[in-house]
Amino acid sequence: MSPIDLIRARLATLDPAQVDIRDDSAQHAGHAGAKEGGHYAVRIIAARFAGLPTVQRHRLVYDALGDLREARIHALSIVAQTPDEQRSSS
């Protein structure tokens, strides 16, 4: 399974309405530490984030990813929104 597929599968536990994952690893080739894992950007829309501050939303994402953070992910950019927030920002 590809790293993006693994990330998507793990984030499914948050019951997202939408998940977009971008692999930015090529932009960081040669960067110290990049050999240990890739660089990814995640945009996740989930009702579960309602009422939570950004730090708690990110913690839910990190917890869902579990050991992937150490084994397959070197850097992660997260945008975590509720469906209402996504609609108002579109």
Protein backbone atom coordinates (compact mmCIF):
# COMPACT_ATOMS: atom_id res chain seq x y z
CA MET A 1 0.00 0.00 0.00
CA SER A 2 1.36 3.44 -0.90
CA PRO A 3 2.02 6.00 1.87
CA ILE A 4 -0.92 8.10 0.63
CA ASP A 5 -3.22 5.07 0.76
CA LEU A 6 -1.99 4.29 4.28
CA ILE A 7 -2.61 7.88 5.40
CA ARG A 8 -6.09 7.85 3.85
CA ALA A 9 -6.93 4.53 5.54
CA ARG A 10 -5.81 5.77 8.95
CA LEU A 11 -7.72 9.05 8.61
CA ALA A 12 -10.89 7.11 7.78
CA THR A 13 -11.25 6.53 11.55
CA LEU A 14 -12.21 10.23 11.82
CA ASP A 15 -15.17 9.64 9.46
CA PRO A 16 -14.18 12.46 7.12
CA ALA A 17 -16.49 13.93 4.51
CA GLN A 18 -13.40 14.66 2.40
CA VAL A 19 -9.66 13.97 2.53
CA ASP A 20 -7.11 15.45 0.14
CA ILE A 21 -3.51 14.32 0.44
CA ARG A 22 -0.59 15.79 -1.47
CA ASP A 23 2.91 14.28 -1.55
CA ASP A 24 5.42 17.14 -1.42
CA SER A 25 8.44 14.85 -0.94
CA ALA A 26 10.07 15.74 -4.26
CA GLN A 27 10.33 19.37 -3.15
CA HIS A 28 12.46 18.25 -0.20
CA ALA A 29 14.86 15.80 -1.85
CA GLY A 30 18.25 15.97 -0.18
CA HIS A 31 16.80 17.66 2.90
CA ALA A 32 18.27 16.32 6.14
CA GLY A 33 15.91 13.74 7.61
CA ALA A 34 13.87 13.35 4.42
CA LYS A 35 15.19 9.80 3.94
CA GLU A 36 13.21 8.66 7.00
CA GLY A 37 9.86 9.56 5.46
CA GLY A 38 7.93 11.76 3.09
CA HIS A 39 6.55 15.26 3.24
CA TYR A 40 2.76 15.40 2.98
CA ALA A 41 -0.02 17.99 3.05
CA VAL A 42 -3.42 16.85 4.31
CA ARG A 43 -6.73 18.66 4.05
CA ILE A 44 -9.43 16.84 6.00
CA ILE A 45 -13.07 17.83 6.40
CA ALA A 46 -14.90 16.16 9.29
CA ALA A 47 -17.87 17.01 11.48
CA ARG A 48 -15.86 15.62 14.39
CA PHE A 49 -13.78 18.82 14.44
CA ALA A 50 -16.78 20.98 15.40
CA GLY A 51 -16.11 23.03 18.51
CA LEU A 52 -12.44 21.99 18.71
CA PRO A 53 -9.51 24.38 18.51
CA THR A 54 -6.84 23.81 15.87
CA VAL A 55 -4.44 22.10 18.29
CA GLN A 56 -7.02 19.47 19.25
CA ARG A 57 -7.97 18.89 15.62
CA HIS A 58 -4.33 18.31 14.72
CA ARG A 59 -3.93 15.99 17.71
CA LEU A 60 -6.83 13.86 16.41
CA VAL A 61 -5.10 13.64 13.02
CA TYR A 62 -1.74 12.73 14.58
CA ASP A 63 -3.36 10.13 16.82
CA ALA A 64 -5.16 8.57 13.84
CA LEU A 65 -1.87 8.33 11.93
CA GLY A 66 -0.16 6.64 14.87
CA ASP A 67 3.14 4.95 14.01
CA LEU A 68 3.07 6.25 10.41
CA ARG A 69 4.38 9.54 11.78
CA GLU A 70 7.58 7.86 12.83
CA ALA A 71 7.95 5.30 10.05
CA ARG A 72 6.65 6.91 6.84
CA ILE A 73 6.05 10.63 7.49
CA HIS A 74 8.85 13.14 8.03
CA ALA A 75 6.74 16.31 7.75
CA LEU A 76 3.00 16.90 7.71
CA SER A 77 1.00 20.03 6.92
CA ILE A 78 -2.61 19.83 8.16
CA VAL A 79 -5.75 21.78 7.35
CA ALA A 80 -8.61 20.36 9.44
CA GLN A 81 -12.05 21.90 8.95
CA THR A 82 -15.68 21.14 9.63
CA PRO A 83 -18.07 20.87 6.67
CA ASP A 84 -19.52 24.29 7.59
CA GLU A 85 -16.07 25.88 7.63
CA GLN A 86 -15.25 24.36 4.27
CA ARG A 87 -18.47 25.73 2.74
CA SER A 88 -17.84 29.23 4.09
CA SER A 89 -14.24 29.27 2.83
CA SER A 90 -15.13 28.14 -0.70
